[in-house]
C-alpha atoms as a PDB file:
ATOM      1  CA  MET A   1      93.382 114.289  52.405  1.00  0.00           C
ATOM      2  CA  ALA A   2      91.191 113.688  55.486  1.00  0.00           C
ATOM      3  CA  THR A   3      89.791 116.610  57.414  1.00  0.00           C
ATOM      4  CA  TYR A   4      90.313 117.243  61.099  1.00  0.00           C
ATOM      5  CA  ALA A   5      86.722 116.198  61.841  1.00  0.00           C
ATOM      6  CA  GLU A   6      87.173 112.916  59.964  1.00  0.00           C
ATOM      7  CA  LEU A   7      90.419 112.118  61.738  1.00  0.00           C
ATOM      8  CA  LYS A   8      88.879 113.007  65.092  1.00  0.00           C
ATOM      9  CA  ALA A   9      85.932 110.672  64.397  1.00  0.00           C
ATOM     10  CA  GLN A  10      88.344 107.890  63.429  1.00  0.00           C
ATOM     11  CA  ALA A  11      90.361 108.449  66.602  1.00  0.00           C
ATOM     12  CA  GLU A  12      87.223 108.317  68.748  1.00  0.00           C
ATOM     13  CA  ALA A  13      86.113 105.128  67.030  1.00  0.00           C
ATOM     14  CA  LEU A  14      89.527 103.564  67.629  1.00  0.00           C
ATOM     15  CA  LEU A  15      89.442 104.598  71.293  1.00  0.00           C
ATOM     16  CA  ALA A  16      86.005 103.011  71.686  1.00  0.00           C
ATOM     17  CA  GLN A  17      87.300  99.825  70.020  1.00  0.00           C
ATOM     18  CA  ALA A  18      90.367  99.779  72.266  1.00  0.00           C
ATOM     19  CA  GLU A  19      88.227 100.209  75.401  1.00  0.00           C
ATOM     20  CA  GLN A  20      85.935  97.361  74.358  1.00  0.00           C
ATOM     21  CA  LEU A  21      88.931  95.103  73.735  1.00  0.00           C
ATOM     22  CA  ARG A  22      90.478  96.089  77.090  1.00  0.00           C
ATOM     23  CA  LYS A  23      87.274  95.060  78.873  1.00  0.00           C
ATOM     24  CA  GLN A  24      87.267  91.708  77.090  1.00  0.00           C
ATOM     25  CA  GLU A  25      90.928  91.036  77.890  1.00  0.00           C
ATOM     26  CA  ARG A  26      90.452  92.178  81.492  1.00  0.00           C
ATOM     27  CA  ALA A  27      87.949  89.403  82.134  1.00  0.00           C
ATOM     28  CA  GLY A  28      90.482  86.847  80.878  1.00  0.00           C
ATOM     29  CA  VAL A  29      93.245  88.299  83.039  1.00  0.00           C
ATOM     30  CA  ILE A  30      91.017  88.165  86.120  1.00  0.00           C
ATOM     31  CA  ALA A  31      90.160  84.528  85.389  1.00  0.00           C
ATOM     32  CA  GLU A  32      93.855  83.727  84.977  1.00  0.00           C
ATOM     33  CA  ILE A  33      94.731  85.429  88.269  1.00  0.00           C
ATOM     34  CA  LEU A  34      91.964  83.561  90.102  1.00  0.00           C
ATOM     35  CA  ALA A  35      93.157  80.255  88.644  1.00  0.00           C
ATOM     36  CA  ARG A  36      96.746  80.931  89.760  1.00  0.00           C
ATOM     37  CA  MET A  37      95.534  81.940  93.219  1.00  0.00           C
ATOM     38  CA  ALA A  38      93.634  78.669  93.498  1.00  0.00           C
ATOM     39  CA  GLU A  39      96.614  76.686  92.205  1.00  0.00           C
ATOM     40  CA  TYR A  40      98.920  78.157  94.866  1.00  0.00           C
ATOM     41  CA  ASP A  41      96.238  78.424  97.568  1.00  0.00           C
ATOM     42  CA  ILE A  42      96.613  82.206  97.832  1.00  0.00           C
ATOM     43  CA  THR A  43      93.903  84.082  99.704  1.00  0.00           C
ATOM     44  CA  PRO A  44      92.773  87.614  98.843  1.00  0.00           C
ATOM     45  CA  GLN A  45      94.073  88.714 102.264  1.00  0.00           C
ATOM     46  CA  GLU A  46      97.549  87.370 101.475  1.00  0.00           C
ATOM     47  CA  LEU A  47      97.496  89.129  98.145  1.00  0.00           C
ATOM     48  CA  ALA A  48      96.438  92.425  99.744  1.00  0.00           C
ATOM     49  CA  SER A  49      99.109  92.249 102.436  1.00  0.00           C
ATOM     50  CA  ALA A  50     101.778  91.349  99.880  1.00  0.00           C
ATOM     51  CA  GLY A  51     100.760  94.372  97.830  1.00  0.00           C
ATOM     52  CA  SER A  52     101.263  96.717 100.772  1.00  0.00           C
ATOM     53  CA  ARG A  53     104.850  95.464 101.085  1.00  0.00           C
ATOM     54  CA  GLY A  54     105.534  95.911  97.393  1.00  0.00           C
ATOM     55  CA  GLY A  55     107.731  98.528  95.742  1.00  0.00           C
ATOM     56  CA  LYS A  56     105.438 101.404  96.646  1.00  0.00           C
ATOM     57  CA  ALA A  57     106.005 101.071 100.363  1.00  0.00           C
ATOM     58  CA  LYS A  58     109.722 100.635 100.140  1.00  0.00           C
ATOM     59  CA  GLY A  59     112.059 103.555 100.366  1.00  0.00           C
ATOM     60  CA  LYS A  60     115.399 104.135  98.724  1.00  0.00           C
ATOM     61  CA  GLY A  61     117.433 100.955  98.400  1.00  0.00           C
ATOM     62  CA  GLY A  62     114.422  98.688  98.953  1.00  0.00           C
ATOM     63  CA  ARG A  63     114.338  99.353 102.675  1.00  0.00           C
ATOM     64  CA  SER A  64     111.290 100.500 104.580  1.00  0.00           C
ATOM     65  CA  LYS A  65     111.461 103.593 106.734  1.00  0.00           C
ATOM     66  CA  ALA A  66     111.749 103.047 110.494  1.00  0.00           C
ATOM     67  CA  GLU A  67     109.877 105.242 112.924  1.00  0.00           C
ATOM     68  CA  PRO A  68     112.053 108.064 114.283  1.00  0.00           C
ATOM     69  CA  LYS A  69     113.264 107.616 117.873  1.00  0.00           C
ATOM     70  CA  TYR A  70     115.219 110.850 118.282  1.00  0.00           C
ATOM     71  CA  ARG A  71     114.518 114.509 117.465  1.00  0.00           C
ATOM     72  CA  GLY A  72     117.479 116.861 117.059  1.00  0.00           C
ATOM     73  CA  PRO A  73     117.742 120.428 118.324  1.00  0.00           C
ATOM     74  CA  ASN A  74     116.515 121.793 114.981  1.00  0.00           C
ATOM     75  CA  GLY A  75     113.751 119.221 114.498  1.00  0.00           C
ATOM     76  CA  GLU A  76     115.872 116.639 112.666  1.00  0.00           C
ATOM     77  CA  LEU A  77     114.673 113.044 112.993  1.00  0.00           C
ATOM     78  CA  TRP A  78     116.702 109.865 113.400  1.00  0.00           C
ATOM     79  CA  SER A  79     115.537 106.285 113.846  1.00  0.00           C
ATOM     80  CA  GLY A  80     118.636 105.236 115.770  1.00  0.00           C
ATOM     81  CA  GLY A  81     119.236 102.361 113.412  1.00  0.00           C
ATOM     82  CA  PRO A  82     122.484 100.861 112.177  1.00  0.00           C
ATOM     83  CA  GLY A  83     124.697 102.773 109.851  1.00  0.00           C
ATOM     84  CA  ARG A  84     126.282 106.183 109.940  1.00  0.00           C
ATOM     85  CA  LYS A  85     124.885 108.531 112.554  1.00  0.00           C
ATOM     86  CA  PRO A  86     123.572 111.892 111.346  1.00  0.00           C
ATOM     87  CA  GLU A  87     125.870 114.859 111.786  1.00  0.00           C
ATOM     88  CA  TRP A  88     123.732 116.409 114.527  1.00  0.00           C
ATOM     89  CA  VAL A  89     124.028 113.182 116.558  1.00  0.00           C
ATOM     90  CA  ARG A  90     127.788 113.024 116.039  1.00  0.00           C
ATOM     91  CA  ASN A  91     128.096 116.673 117.146  1.00  0.00           C
ATOM     92  CA  ILE A  92     126.123 116.032 120.348  1.00  0.00           C
ATOM     93  CA  LEU A  93     128.179 112.952 121.191  1.00  0.00           C
ATOM     94  CA  ALA A  94     131.460 114.727 120.383  1.00  0.00           C
ATOM     95  CA  ALA A  95     130.484 117.544 122.779  1.00  0.00           C
ATOM     96  CA  GLY A  96     129.943 114.970 125.537  1.00  0.00           C
ATOM     97  CA  GLY A  97     126.138 115.106 125.340  1.00  0.00           C
ATOM     98  CA  ASN A  98     123.748 112.230 125.875  1.00  0.00           C
ATOM     99  CA  ILE A  99     121.647 111.265 122.867  1.00  0.00           C
ATOM    100  CA  GLU A 100     118.956 109.898 125.185  1.00  0.00           C
ATOM    101  CA  ASN A 101     118.088 113.506 126.073  1.00  0.00           C
ATOM    102  CA  PHE A 102     116.759 113.764 122.511  1.00  0.00           C
ATOM    103  CA  ARG A 103     114.623 110.590 122.565  1.00  0.00           C
ATOM    104  CA  ILE A 104     111.044 111.087 121.384  1.00  0.00           C
ATOM    105  CA  ALA A 105     108.645 110.140 124.179  1.00  0.00           C
END
């Protein structure tokens, strides 16, 4: 049976092999990406801007967050967009208040 030291040495050797292979494959992937960019006439700027709109920037449901336009009495924020109004907005309107008094300057 192999000792801990032997297994550790084998694991380190495998990790070094895997890293070397990753570097070799990476060069091929980069070449493939560059070829596809040339084929479709994609600029690095287009690629960068498309990346900023990708899944990371999107919120729940694939929608991006809008800047808040209103601040409630307890610091709540609302963008004023379509859809159901927050409860604090409904309460103000039901009491005869004007939501514009809560607009963020």
